[in-house]
PDB file of N, CA and C in Angstrom:
ATOM      1  N   MET A   1    -117.197  58.629 -59.170  1.00  0.00           N
ATOM      2  CA  MET A   1    -117.307  60.019 -59.467  1.00  0.00           C
ATOM      3  C   MET A   1    -118.751  60.472 -59.483  1.00  0.00           C
ATOM      4  N   GLN A   2    -119.658  59.587 -60.031  1.00  0.00           N
ATOM      5  CA  GLN A   2    -121.065  59.941 -60.068  1.00  0.00           C
ATOM      6  C   GLN A   2    -121.644  60.058 -58.668  1.00  0.00           C
ATOM      7  N   SER A   3    -121.219  59.200 -57.772  1.00  0.00           N
ATOM      8  CA  SER A   3    -121.733  59.283 -56.413  1.00  0.00           C
ATOM      9  C   SER A   3    -121.270  60.582 -55.747  1.00  0.00           C
ATOM     10  N   PHE A   4    -120.071  61.040 -56.061  1.00  0.00           N
ATOM     11  CA  PHE A   4    -119.562  62.289 -55.505  1.00  0.00           C
ATOM     12  C   PHE A   4    -120.394  63.467 -55.997  1.00  0.00           C
ATOM     13  N   ILE A   5    -120.711  63.455 -57.287  1.00  0.00           N
ATOM     14  CA  ILE A   5    -121.515  64.527 -57.878  1.00  0.00           C
ATOM     15  C   ILE A   5    -122.936  64.477 -57.330  1.00  0.00           C
ATOM     16  N   SER A   6    -123.507  63.272 -57.218  1.00  0.00           N
ATOM     17  CA  SER A   6    -124.869  63.161 -56.704  1.00  0.00           C
ATOM     18  C   SER A   6    -124.925  63.570 -55.225  1.00  0.00           C
ATOM     19  N   GLN A   7    -123.869  63.242 -54.468  1.00  0.00           N
ATOM     20  CA  GLN A   7    -123.829  63.667 -53.071  1.00  0.00           C
ATOM     21  C   GLN A   7    -123.715  65.191 -52.977  1.00  0.00           C
ATOM     22  N   ALA A   8    -122.918  65.803 -53.838  1.00  0.00           N
ATOM     23  CA  ALA A   8    -122.760  67.256 -53.843  1.00  0.00           C
ATOM     24  C   ALA A   8    -124.073  67.939 -54.201  1.00  0.00           C
ATOM     25  N   ILE A   9    -124.767  67.381 -55.198  1.00  0.00           N
ATOM     26  CA  ILE A   9    -126.068  67.927 -55.592  1.00  0.00           C
ATOM     27  C   ILE A   9    -127.077  67.763 -54.471  1.00  0.00           C
ATOM     28  N   ALA A  10    -127.081  66.615 -53.825  1.00  0.00           N
ATOM     29  CA  ALA A  10    -127.998  66.370 -52.710  1.00  0.00           C
ATOM     30  C   ALA A  10    -127.727  67.351 -51.569  1.00  0.00           C
ATOM     31  N   LYS A  11    -126.457  67.577 -51.236  1.00  0.00           N
ATOM     32  CA  LYS A  11    -126.118  68.542 -50.180  1.00  0.00           C
ATOM     33  C   LYS A  11    -126.539  69.954 -50.579  1.00  0.00           C
ATOM     34  N   PHE A  12    -126.341  70.289 -51.842  1.00  0.00           N
ATOM     35  CA  PHE A  12    -126.720  71.618 -52.307  1.00  0.00           C
ATOM     36  C   PHE A  12    -128.227  71.828 -52.169  1.00  0.00           C
ATOM     37  N   PHE A  13    -129.031  70.850 -52.630  1.00  0.00           N
ATOM     38  CA  PHE A  13    -130.484  70.986 -52.516  1.00  0.00           C
ATOM     39  C   PHE A  13    -130.934  70.970 -51.064  1.00  0.00           C
ATOM     40  N   SER A  14    -130.294  70.187 -50.231  1.00  0.00           N
ATOM     41  CA  SER A  14    -130.613  70.160 -48.805  1.00  0.00           C
ATOM     42  C   SER A  14    -130.349  71.541 -48.186  1.00  0.00           C
ATOM     43  N   PHE A  15    -129.193  72.112 -48.523  1.00  0.00           N
ATOM     44  CA  PHE A  15    -128.852  73.439 -48.018  1.00  0.00           C
ATOM     45  C   PHE A  15    -129.844  74.472 -48.544  1.00  0.00           C
ATOM     46  N   PHE A  16    -130.208  74.365 -49.828  1.00  0.00           N
ATOM     47  CA  PHE A  16    -131.142  75.292 -50.438  1.00  0.00           C
ATOM     48  C   PHE A  16    -132.498  75.233 -49.756  1.00  0.00           C
ATOM     49  N   LYS A  17    -132.995  74.027 -49.451  1.00  0.00           N
ATOM     50  CA  LYS A  17    -134.286  73.862 -48.776  1.00  0.00           C
ATOM     51  C   LYS A  17    -134.236  74.427 -47.362  1.00  0.00           C
ATOM     52  N   SER A  18    -133.137  74.172 -46.654  1.00  0.00           N
ATOM     53  CA  SER A  18    -133.035  74.690 -45.292  1.00  0.00           C
ATOM     54  C   SER A  18    -132.924  76.220 -45.295  1.00  0.00           C
ATOM     55  N   LEU A  19    -132.305  76.781 -46.336  1.00  0.00           N
ATOM     56  CA  LEU A  19    -132.194  78.221 -46.450  1.00  0.00           C
ATOM     57  C   LEU A  19    -133.570  78.852 -46.622  1.00  0.00           C
ATOM     58  N   GLN A  20    -134.417  78.260 -47.420  1.00  0.00           N
ATOM     59  CA  GLN A  20    -135.763  78.773 -47.611  1.00  0.00           C
ATOM     60  C   GLN A  20    -136.552  78.718 -46.315  1.00  0.00           C
ATOM     61  N   VAL A  21    -136.410  77.657 -45.561  1.00  0.00           N
ATOM     62  CA  VAL A  21    -137.120  77.539 -44.295  1.00  0.00           C
ATOM     63  C   VAL A  21    -136.604  78.589 -43.323  1.00  0.00           C
ATOM     64  N   ARG A  22    -135.304  78.819 -43.328  1.00  0.00           N
ATOM     65  CA  ARG A  22    -134.721  79.821 -42.442  1.00  0.00           C
ATOM     66  C   ARG A  22    -135.211  81.226 -42.787  1.00  0.00           C
ATOM     67  N   GLN A  23    -135.453  81.483 -44.053  1.00  0.00           N
ATOM     68  CA  GLN A  23    -135.967  82.793 -44.441  1.00  0.00           C
ATOM     69  C   GLN A  23    -137.462  82.890 -44.189  1.00  0.00           C
ATOM     70  N   PHE A  24    -138.175  81.822 -44.347  1.00  0.00           N
ATOM     71  CA  PHE A  24    -139.622  81.822 -44.195  1.00  0.00           C
ATOM     72  C   PHE A  24    -140.032  81.943 -42.730  1.00  0.00           C
ATOM     73  N   LEU A  25    -139.331  81.285 -41.833  1.00  0.00           N
ATOM     74  CA  LEU A  25    -139.679  81.284 -40.412  1.00  0.00           C
ATOM     75  C   LEU A  25    -139.658  82.690 -39.806  1.00  0.00           C
ATOM     76  N   PRO A  26    -138.629  83.522 -40.012  1.00  0.00           N
ATOM     77  CA  PRO A  26    -138.670  84.876 -39.450  1.00  0.00           C
ATOM     78  C   PRO A  26    -139.796  85.732 -40.021  1.00  0.00           C
ATOM     79  N   ILE A  27    -140.100  85.525 -41.297  1.00  0.00           N
ATOM     80  CA  ILE A  27    -141.197  86.274 -41.900  1.00  0.00           C
ATOM     81  C   ILE A  27    -142.515  85.914 -41.233  1.00  0.00           C
ATOM     82  N   VAL A  28    -142.727  84.652 -40.985  1.00  0.00           N
ATOM     83  CA  VAL A  28    -143.951  84.210 -40.314  1.00  0.00           C
ATOM     84  C   VAL A  28    -144.005  84.767 -38.892  1.00  0.00           C
ATOM     85  N   LEU A  29    -142.892  84.703 -38.180  1.00  0.00           N
ATOM     86  CA  LEU A  29    -142.865  85.209 -36.803  1.00  0.00           C
ATOM     87  C   LEU A  29    -143.098  86.714 -36.746  1.00  0.00           C
ATOM     88  N   ILE A  30    -142.494  87.466 -37.647  1.00  0.00           N
ATOM     89  CA  ILE A  30    -142.706  88.916 -37.680  1.00  0.00           C
ATOM     90  C   ILE A  30    -144.149  89.237 -38.047  1.00  0.00           C
ATOM     91  N   GLY A  31    -144.710  88.519 -39.007  1.00  0.00           N
ATOM     92  CA  GLY A  31    -146.112  88.707 -39.367  1.00  0.00           C
ATOM     93  C   GLY A  31    -147.037  88.416 -38.201  1.00  0.00           C
ATOM     94  N   PHE A  32    -146.770  87.347 -37.482  1.00  0.00           N
ATOM     95  CA  PHE A  32    -147.574  87.008 -36.310  1.00  0.00           C
ATOM     96  C   PHE A  32    -147.474  88.104 -35.253  1.00  0.00           C
ATOM     97  N   LEU A  33    -146.280  88.603 -35.034  1.00  0.00           N
ATOM     98  CA  LEU A  33    -146.060  89.657 -34.053  1.00  0.00           C
ATOM     99  C   LEU A  33    -146.803  90.931 -34.441  1.00  0.00           C
ATOM    100  N   LEU A  34    -146.724  91.312 -35.713  1.00  0.00           N
ATOM    101  CA  LEU A  34    -147.412  92.516 -36.164  1.00  0.00           C
ATOM    102  C   LEU A  34    -148.928  92.376 -36.100  1.00  0.00           C
ATOM    103  N   LEU A  35    -149.441  91.203 -36.407  1.00  0.00           N
ATOM    104  CA  LEU A  35    -150.883  91.003 -36.397  1.00  0.00           C
ATOM    105  C   LEU A  35    -151.453  90.916 -34.985  1.00  0.00           C
ATOM    106  N   THR A  36    -150.668  90.474 -34.031  1.00  0.00           N
ATOM    107  CA  THR A  36    -151.181  90.330 -32.670  1.00  0.00           C
ATOM    108  C   THR A  36    -150.888  91.528 -31.784  1.00  0.00           C
ATOM    109  N   THR A  37    -150.040  92.443 -32.233  1.00  0.00           N
ATOM    110  CA  THR A  37    -149.707  93.618 -31.434  1.00  0.00           C
ATOM    111  C   THR A  37    -150.668  94.737 -31.774  1.00  0.00           C
ATOM    112  N   SER A  38    -151.210  95.371 -30.741  1.00  0.00           N
ATOM    113  CA  SER A  38    -152.132  96.480 -30.950  1.00  0.00           C
ATOM    114  C   SER A  38    -151.345  97.764 -31.113  1.00  0.00           C
ATOM    115  N   ALA A  39    -151.599  98.484 -32.180  1.00  0.00           N
ATOM    116  CA  ALA A  39    -150.894  99.734 -32.437  1.00  0.00           C
ATOM    117  C   ALA A  39    -151.692 100.943 -31.973  1.00  0.00           C
ATOM    118  N   THR A  40    -152.934 100.743 -31.568  1.00  0.00           N
ATOM    119  CA  THR A  40    -153.747 101.867 -31.124  1.00  0.00           C
ATOM    120  C   THR A  40    -153.459 102.179 -29.671  1.00  0.00           C
ATOM    121  N   PRO A  41    -153.377 103.467 -29.341  1.00  0.00           N
ATOM    122  CA  PRO A  41    -153.113 103.823 -27.949  1.00  0.00           C
ATOM    123  C   PRO A  41    -154.324 103.523 -27.075  1.00  0.00           C
ATOM    124  N   SER A  42    -154.064 103.325 -25.813  1.00  0.00           N
ATOM    125  CA  SER A  42    -155.164 103.035 -24.908  1.00  0.00           C
ATOM    126  C   SER A  42    -155.972 104.307 -24.664  1.00  0.00           C
ATOM    127  N   ARG A  43    -157.121 104.150 -24.106  1.00  0.00           N
ATOM    128  CA  ARG A  43    -158.008 105.276 -23.825  1.00  0.00           C
ATOM    129  C   ARG A  43    -157.333 106.267 -22.874  1.00  0.00           C
ATOM    130  N   ASN A  44    -156.606 105.735 -21.884  1.00  0.00           N
ATOM    131  CA  ASN A  44    -155.925 106.575 -20.914  1.00  0.00           C
ATOM    132  C   ASN A  44    -154.850 107.426 -21.591  1.00  0.00           C
ATOM    133  N   GLU A  45    -154.074 106.805 -22.492  1.00  0.00           N
ATOM    134  CA  GLU A  45    -153.047 107.543 -23.220  1.00  0.00           C
ATOM    135  C   GLU A  45    -153.670 108.629 -24.092  1.00  0.00           C
ATOM    136  N   THR A  46    -154.799 108.330 -24.698  1.00  0.00           N
ATOM    137  CA  THR A  46    -155.482 109.301 -25.539  1.00  0.00           C
ATOM    138  C   THR A  46    -155.950 110.486 -24.709  1.00  0.00           C
ATOM    139  N   GLN A  47    -156.536 110.212 -23.559  1.00  0.00           N
ATOM    140  CA  GLN A  47    -156.999 111.291 -22.685  1.00  0.00           C
ATOM    141  C   GLN A  47    -155.836 112.150 -22.208  1.00  0.00           C
ATOM    142  N   GLN A  48    -154.710 111.518 -21.881  1.00  0.00           N
ATOM    143  CA  GLN A  48    -153.536 112.276 -21.445  1.00  0.00           C
ATOM    144  C   GLN A  48    -153.021 113.166 -22.574  1.00  0.00           C
ATOM    145  N   ALA A  49    -153.013 112.653 -23.796  1.00  0.00           N
ATOM    146  CA  ALA A  49    -152.551 113.439 -24.944  1.00  0.00           C
ATOM    147  C   ALA A  49    -153.473 114.631 -25.186  1.00  0.00           C
ATOM    148  N   ILE A  50    -154.771 114.415 -25.060  1.00  0.00           N
ATOM    149  CA  ILE A  50    -155.733 115.508 -25.240  1.00  0.00           C
ATOM    150  C   ILE A  50    -155.534 116.564 -24.165  1.00  0.00           C
ATOM    151  N   LYS A  51    -155.327 116.125 -22.935  1.00  0.00           N
ATOM    152  CA  LYS A  51    -155.128 117.063 -21.825  1.00  0.00           C
ATOM    153  C   LYS A  51    -153.851 117.876 -22.036  1.00  0.00           C
ATOM    154  N   LYS A  52    -152.771 117.214 -22.462  1.00  0.00           N
ATOM    155  CA  LYS A  52    -151.507 117.908 -22.698  1.00  0.00           C
ATOM    156  C   LYS A  52    -151.650 118.918 -23.835  1.00  0.00           C
ATOM    157  N   LEU A  53    -152.333 118.538 -24.906  1.00  0.00           N
ATOM    158  CA  LEU A  53    -152.553 119.436 -26.028  1.00  0.00           C
ATOM    159  C   LEU A  53    -153.385 120.640 -25.603  1.00  0.00           C
ATOM    160  N   ASP A  54    -154.415 120.407 -24.803  1.00  0.00           N
ATOM    161  CA  ASP A  54    -155.258 121.487 -24.313  1.00  0.00           C
ATOM    162  C   ASP A  54    -154.450 122.452 -23.451  1.00  0.00           C
ATOM    163  N   GLU A  55    -153.580 121.917 -22.591  1.00  0.00           N
ATOM    164  CA  GLU A  55    -152.725 122.770 -21.760  1.00  0.00           C
ATOM    165  C   GLU A  55    -151.766 123.586 -22.620  1.00  0.00           C
ATOM    166  N   THR A  56    -151.241 122.967 -23.668  1.00  0.00           N
ATOM    167  CA  THR A  56    -150.312 123.668 -24.554  1.00  0.00           C
ATOM    168  C   THR A  56    -151.024 124.801 -25.293  1.00  0.00           C
ATOM    169  N   VAL A  57    -152.223 124.534 -25.758  1.00  0.00           N
ATOM    170  CA  VAL A  57    -152.969 125.548 -26.497  1.00  0.00           C
ATOM    171  C   VAL A  57    -153.343 126.713 -25.593  1.00  0.00           C
ATOM    172  N   HIS A  58    -153.703 126.431 -24.351  1.00  0.00           N
ATOM    173  CA  HIS A  58    -154.164 127.469 -23.434  1.00  0.00           C
ATOM    174  C   HIS A  58    -153.097 127.906 -22.438  1.00  0.00           C
ATOM    175  N   GLN A  59    -151.825 127.747 -22.773  1.00  0.00           N
ATOM    176  CA  GLN A  59    -150.779 128.091 -21.822  1.00  0.00           C
ATOM    177  C   GLN A  59    -150.650 129.598 -21.618  1.00  0.00           C
ATOM    178  N   GLU A  60    -150.978 130.374 -22.596  1.00  0.00           N
ATOM    179  CA  GLU A  60    -150.963 131.822 -22.443  1.00  0.00           C
ATOM    180  C   GLU A  60    -152.370 132.299 -22.153  1.00  0.00           C
ATOM    181  N   ASP A  61    -152.481 133.236 -21.237  1.00  0.00           N
ATOM    182  CA  ASP A  61    -153.793 133.777 -20.887  1.00  0.00           C
ATOM    183  C   ASP A  61    -154.159 134.834 -21.918  1.00  0.00           C
ATOM    184  N   SER A  62    -154.796 134.407 -22.953  1.00  0.00           N
ATOM    185  CA  SER A  62    -155.091 135.270 -24.085  1.00  0.00           C
ATOM    186  C   SER A  62    -156.594 135.418 -24.245  1.00  0.00           C
ATOM    187  N   ILE A  63    -156.995 136.555 -24.793  1.00  0.00           N
ATOM    188  CA  ILE A  63    -158.417 136.757 -25.035  1.00  0.00           C
ATOM    189  C   ILE A  63    -158.846 136.154 -26.366  1.00  0.00           C
ATOM    190  N   ILE A  64    -157.870 135.711 -27.143  1.00  0.00           N
ATOM    191  CA  ILE A  64    -158.166 135.145 -28.456  1.00  0.00           C
ATOM    192  C   ILE A  64    -158.702 133.727 -28.289  1.00  0.00           C
ATOM    193  N   PRO A  65    -159.883 133.430 -28.867  1.00  0.00           N
ATOM    194  CA  PRO A  65    -160.386 132.057 -28.795  1.00  0.00           C
ATOM    195  C   PRO A  65    -159.487 131.114 -29.577  1.00  0.00           C
ATOM    196  N   LYS A  66    -159.265 129.927 -29.022  1.00  0.00           N
ATOM    197  CA  LYS A  66    -158.332 128.994 -29.637  1.00  0.00           C
ATOM    198  C   LYS A  66    -159.017 127.735 -30.160  1.00  0.00           C
ATOM    199  N   THR A  67    -160.173 127.420 -29.678  1.00  0.00           N
ATOM    200  CA  THR A  67    -160.860 126.217 -30.129  1.00  0.00           C
ATOM    201  C   THR A  67    -162.156 126.595 -30.838  1.00  0.00           C
ATOM    202  N   THR A  68    -162.686 125.656 -31.570  1.00  0.00           N
ATOM    203  CA  THR A  68    -163.950 125.891 -32.266  1.00  0.00           C
ATOM    204  C   THR A  68    -165.063 126.197 -31.278  1.00  0.00           C
ATOM    205  N   GLU A  69    -165.053 125.507 -30.164  1.00  0.00           N
ATOM    206  CA  GLU A  69    -166.076 125.734 -29.145  1.00  0.00           C
ATOM    207  C   GLU A  69    -166.008 127.171 -28.620  1.00  0.00           C
ATOM    208  N   GLU A  70    -164.791 127.673 -28.392  1.00  0.00           N
ATOM    209  CA  GLU A  70    -164.643 129.047 -27.917  1.00  0.00           C
ATOM    210  C   GLU A  70    -165.118 130.047 -28.971  1.00  0.00           C
ATOM    211  N   TRP A  71    -164.818 129.780 -30.240  1.00  0.00           N
ATOM    212  CA  TRP A  71    -165.283 130.666 -31.313  1.00  0.00           C
ATOM    213  C   TRP A  71    -166.813 130.672 -31.378  1.00  0.00           C
ATOM    214  N   GLU A  72    -167.408 129.496 -31.270  1.00  0.00           N
ATOM    215  CA  GLU A  72    -168.868 129.414 -31.338  1.00  0.00           C
ATOM    216  C   GLU A  72    -169.509 130.089 -30.135  1.00  0.00           C
ATOM    217  N   GLN A  73    -168.919 129.936 -28.963  1.00  0.00           N
ATOM    218  CA  GLN A  73    -169.452 130.584 -27.756  1.00  0.00           C
ATOM    219  C   GLN A  73    -169.389 132.106 -27.919  1.00  0.00           C
ATOM    220  N   GLN A  74    -168.281 132.590 -28.428  1.00  0.00           N
ATOM    221  CA  GLN A  74    -168.141 134.024 -28.634  1.00  0.00           C
ATOM    222  C   GLN A  74    -169.143 134.522 -29.678  1.00  0.00           C
ATOM    223  N   TYR A  75    -169.382 133.716 -30.698  1.00  0.00           N
ATOM    224  CA  TYR A  75    -170.375 134.076 -31.713  1.00  0.00           C
ATOM    225  C   TYR A  75    -171.764 134.193 -31.091  1.00  0.00           C
ATOM    226  N   ARG A  76    -172.115 133.222 -30.244  1.00  0.00           N
ATOM    227  CA  ARG A  76    -173.431 133.257 -29.592  1.00  0.00           C
ATOM    228  C   ARG A  76    -173.560 134.460 -28.654  1.00  0.00           C
ATOM    229  N   GLU A  77    -172.460 134.823 -27.994  1.00  0.00           N
ATOM    230  CA  GLU A  77    -172.495 135.967 -27.078  1.00  0.00           C
ATOM    231  C   GLU A  77    -172.717 137.286 -27.817  1.00  0.00           C
ATOM    232  N   THR A  78    -172.190 137.408 -29.018  1.00  0.00           N
ATOM    233  CA  THR A  78    -172.293 138.676 -29.757  1.00  0.00           C
ATOM    234  C   THR A  78    -173.293 138.618 -30.907  1.00  0.00           C
ATOM    235  N   GLU A  79    -174.096 137.586 -30.951  1.00  0.00           N
ATOM    236  CA  GLU A  79    -175.061 137.442 -32.043  1.00  0.00           C
ATOM    237  C   GLU A  79    -176.059 138.594 -32.007  1.00  0.00           C
ATOM    238  N   GLY A  80    -176.219 139.263 -33.129  1.00  0.00           N
ATOM    239  CA  GLY A  80    -177.160 140.370 -33.229  1.00  0.00           C
ATOM    240  C   GLY A  80    -176.577 141.699 -32.761  1.00  0.00           C
ATOM    241  N   ARG A  81    -175.315 141.730 -32.363  1.00  0.00           N
ATOM    242  CA  ARG A  81    -174.675 142.975 -31.909  1.00  0.00           C
ATOM    243  C   ARG A  81    -173.379 143.171 -32.708  1.00  0.00           C
ATOM    244  N   PRO A  82    -173.496 143.709 -33.911  1.00  0.00           N
ATOM    245  CA  PRO A  82    -172.316 143.833 -34.772  1.00  0.00           C
ATOM    246  C   PRO A  82    -171.249 144.787 -34.224  1.00  0.00           C
ATOM    247  N   VAL A  83    -171.658 145.819 -33.492  1.00  0.00           N
ATOM    248  CA  VAL A  83    -170.674 146.764 -32.961  1.00  0.00           C
ATOM    249  C   VAL A  83    -169.776 146.073 -31.931  1.00  0.00           C
ATOM    250  N   GLU A  84    -170.400 145.304 -31.057  1.00  0.00           N
ATOM    251  CA  GLU A  84    -169.610 144.574 -30.049  1.00  0.00           C
ATOM    252  C   GLU A  84    -168.724 143.522 -30.717  1.00  0.00           C
ATOM    253  N   ARG A  85    -169.241 142.885 -31.741  1.00  0.00           N
ATOM    254  CA  ARG A  85    -168.445 141.888 -32.457  1.00  0.00           C
ATOM    255  C   ARG A  85    -167.214 142.527 -33.098  1.00  0.00           C
ATOM    256  N   LEU A  86    -167.395 143.701 -33.734  1.00  0.00           N
ATOM    257  CA  LEU A  86    -166.263 144.407 -34.331  1.00  0.00           C
ATOM    258  C   LEU A  86    -165.269 144.853 -33.263  1.00  0.00           C
ATOM    259  N   LYS A  87    -165.776 145.265 -32.111  1.00  0.00           N
ATOM    260  CA  LYS A  87    -164.895 145.664 -31.012  1.00  0.00           C
ATOM    261  C   LYS A  87    -164.042 144.484 -30.560  1.00  0.00           C
ATOM    262  N   ARG A  88    -164.667 143.317 -30.406  1.00  0.00           N
ATOM    263  CA  ARG A  88    -163.921 142.113 -30.006  1.00  0.00           C
ATOM    264  C   ARG A  88    -162.905 141.701 -31.056  1.00  0.00           C
ATOM    265  N   ILE A  89    -163.308 141.815 -32.323  1.00  0.00           N
ATOM    266  CA  ILE A  89    -162.378 141.473 -33.403  1.00  0.00           C
ATOM    267  C   ILE A  89    -161.169 142.387 -33.344  1.00  0.00           C
ATOM    268  N   GLY A  90    -161.382 143.666 -33.109  1.00  0.00           N
ATOM    269  CA  GLY A  90    -160.275 144.611 -32.994  1.00  0.00           C
ATOM    270  C   GLY A  90    -159.364 144.277 -31.821  1.00  0.00           C
ATOM    271  N   GLU A  91    -159.958 143.970 -30.663  1.00  0.00           N
ATOM    272  CA  GLU A  91    -159.160 143.603 -29.484  1.00  0.00           C
ATOM    273  C   GLU A  91    -158.344 142.333 -29.738  1.00  0.00           C
ATOM    274  N   GLN A  92    -158.998 141.349 -30.346  1.00  0.00           N
ATOM    275  CA  GLN A  92    -158.319 140.085 -30.609  1.00  0.00           C
ATOM    276  C   GLN A  92    -157.214 140.256 -31.647  1.00  0.00           C
ATOM    277  N   SER A  93    -157.450 141.114 -32.641  1.00  0.00           N
ATOM    278  CA  SER A  93    -156.417 141.371 -33.640  1.00  0.00           C
ATOM    279  C   SER A  93    -155.206 142.046 -32.990  1.00  0.00           C
ATOM    280  N   ALA A  94    -155.466 143.012 -32.115  1.00  0.00           N
ATOM    281  CA  ALA A  94    -154.363 143.686 -31.418  1.00  0.00           C
ATOM    282  C   ALA A  94    -153.590 142.685 -30.562  1.00  0.00           C
ATOM    283  N   GLU A  95    -154.296 141.817 -29.871  1.00  0.00           N
ATOM    284  CA  GLU A  95    -153.648 140.795 -29.040  1.00  0.00           C
ATOM    285  C   GLU A  95    -152.829 139.834 -29.898  1.00  0.00           C
ATOM    286  N   ALA A  96    -153.371 139.465 -31.054  1.00  0.00           N
ATOM    287  CA  ALA A  96    -152.636 138.554 -31.940  1.00  0.00           C
ATOM    288  C   ALA A  96    -151.362 139.208 -32.466  1.00  0.00           C
ATOM    289  N   VAL A  97    -151.425 140.490 -32.789  1.00  0.00           N
ATOM    290  CA  VAL A  97    -150.233 141.194 -33.260  1.00  0.00           C
ATOM    291  C   VAL A  97    -149.202 141.263 -32.146  1.00  0.00           C
ATOM    292  N   LYS A  98    -149.638 141.528 -30.899  1.00  0.00           N
ATOM    293  CA  LYS A  98    -148.709 141.551 -29.763  1.00  0.00           C
ATOM    294  C   LYS A  98    -148.026 140.198 -29.590  1.00  0.00           C
ATOM    295  N   GLU A  99    -148.831 139.119 -29.630  1.00  0.00           N
ATOM    296  CA  GLU A  99    -148.268 137.773 -29.471  1.00  0.00           C
ATOM    297  C   GLU A  99    -147.279 137.469 -30.592  1.00  0.00           C
ATOM    298  N   PHE A 100    -147.635 137.831 -31.814  1.00  0.00           N
ATOM    299  CA  PHE A 100    -146.740 137.574 -32.940  1.00  0.00           C
ATOM    300  C   PHE A 100    -145.467 138.393 -32.799  1.00  0.00           C
ATOM    301  N   GLY A 101    -145.600 139.642 -32.389  1.00  0.00           N
ATOM    302  CA  GLY A 101    -144.435 140.498 -32.212  1.00  0.00           C
ATOM    303  C   GLY A 101    -143.487 139.957 -31.162  1.00  0.00           C
ATOM    304  N   SER A 102    -144.017 139.479 -30.045  1.00  0.00           N
ATOM    305  CA  SER A 102    -143.155 138.918 -29.007  1.00  0.00           C
ATOM    306  C   SER A 102    -142.505 137.625 -29.490  1.00  0.00           C
ATOM    307  N   MET A 103    -143.259 136.831 -30.207  1.00  0.00           N
ATOM    308  CA  MET A 103    -142.712 135.585 -30.740  1.00  0.00           C
ATOM    309  C   MET A 103    -141.646 135.888 -31.795  1.00  0.00           C
ATOM    310  N   TYR A 104    -141.893 136.881 -32.636  1.00  0.00           N
ATOM    311  CA  TYR A 104    -140.952 137.216 -33.695  1.00  0.00           C
ATOM    312  C   TYR A 104    -139.645 137.732 -33.119  1.00  0.00           C
ATOM    313  N   SER A 105    -139.718 138.625 -32.125  1.00  0.00           N
ATOM    314  CA  SER A 105    -138.486 139.174 -31.556  1.00  0.00           C
ATOM    315  C   SER A 105    -137.674 138.085 -30.863  1.00  0.00           C
ATOM    316  N   ASP A 106    -138.357 137.183 -30.163  1.00  0.00           N
ATOM    317  CA  ASP A 106    -137.660 136.080 -29.504  1.00  0.00           C
ATOM    318  C   ASP A 106    -136.978 135.189 -30.530  1.00  0.00           C
ATOM    319  N   THR A 107    -137.681 134.872 -31.600  1.00  0.00           N
ATOM    320  CA  THR A 107    -137.118 134.023 -32.650  1.00  0.00           C
ATOM    321  C   THR A 107    -135.953 134.732 -33.346  1.00  0.00           C
ATOM    322  N   ALA A 108    -136.088 136.025 -33.577  1.00  0.00           N
ATOM    323  CA  ALA A 108    -135.016 136.779 -34.226  1.00  0.00           C
ATOM    324  C   ALA A 108    -133.764 136.801 -33.342  1.00  0.00           C
ATOM    325  N   GLU A 109    -133.953 136.976 -32.028  1.00  0.00           N
ATOM    326  CA  GLU A 109    -132.806 136.978 -31.114  1.00  0.00           C
ATOM    327  C   GLU A 109    -132.096 135.624 -31.123  1.00  0.00           C
ATOM    328  N   ARG A 110    -132.874 134.567 -31.043  1.00  0.00           N
ATOM    329  CA  ARG A 110    -132.273 133.227 -31.043  1.00  0.00           C
ATOM    330  C   ARG A 110    -131.585 132.929 -32.365  1.00  0.00           C
ATOM    331  N   SER A 111    -132.172 133.379 -33.465  1.00  0.00           N
ATOM    332  CA  SER A 111    -131.553 133.144 -34.775  1.00  0.00           C
ATOM    333  C   SER A 111    -130.250 133.937 -34.901  1.00  0.00           C
ATOM    334  N   ALA A 112    -130.247 135.167 -34.407  1.00  0.00           N
ATOM    335  CA  ALA A 112    -129.036 135.984 -34.473  1.00  0.00           C
ATOM    336  C   ALA A 112    -127.924 135.356 -33.632  1.00  0.00           C
ATOM    337  N   LYS A 113    -128.276 134.858 -32.451  1.00  0.00           N
ATOM    338  CA  LYS A 113    -127.283 134.196 -31.602  1.00  0.00           C
ATOM    339  C   LYS A 113    -126.739 132.945 -32.304  1.00  0.00           C
ATOM    340  N   ALA A 114    -127.615 132.200 -32.955  1.00  0.00           N
ATOM    341  CA  ALA A 114    -127.184 130.995 -33.658  1.00  0.00           C
ATOM    342  C   ALA A 114    -126.268 131.329 -34.826  1.00  0.00           C
ATOM    343  N   LEU A 115    -126.548 132.421 -35.505  1.00  0.00           N
ATOM    344  CA  LEU A 115    -125.697 132.828 -36.625  1.00  0.00           C
ATOM    345  C   LEU A 115    -124.319 133.287 -36.129  1.00  0.00           C
ATOM    346  N   ASN A 116    -124.289 133.937 -34.972  1.00  0.00           N
ATOM    347  CA  ASN A 116    -123.024 134.400 -34.422  1.00  0.00           C
ATOM    348  C   ASN A 116    -122.156 133.252 -33.926  1.00  0.00           C
ATOM    349  N   ASP A 117    -122.799 132.167 -33.525  1.00  0.00           N
ATOM    350  CA  ASP A 117    -122.050 131.017 -33.006  1.00  0.00           C
ATOM    351  C   ASP A 117    -121.458 130.211 -34.089  1.00  0.00           C
TER     352      ASP A 117
END
């Protein structure tokens, strides 16, 4: 009877040890995979993303500056001429209201259609 119990205990500990190894091995492999895989995009992918973003920002032919560089260029062009600067601000504000109005009406139409469906 003692040999049966000792054999059962030995099998249990053997199974327990193999279970730990089975759990440890995937963790090591996943850690190795994560540490050796580069998560940063390549330079080419970054340039493509910048180009796509730039196209998206400038898809409408608008007089409103969209980037910091455009704002600074416009500032340099009107530096020392407050009347012209106010005129440009007025034009850009009118253009922004037009763009918002067109966007709002389109969104309202789509929302109304969605509510009706």
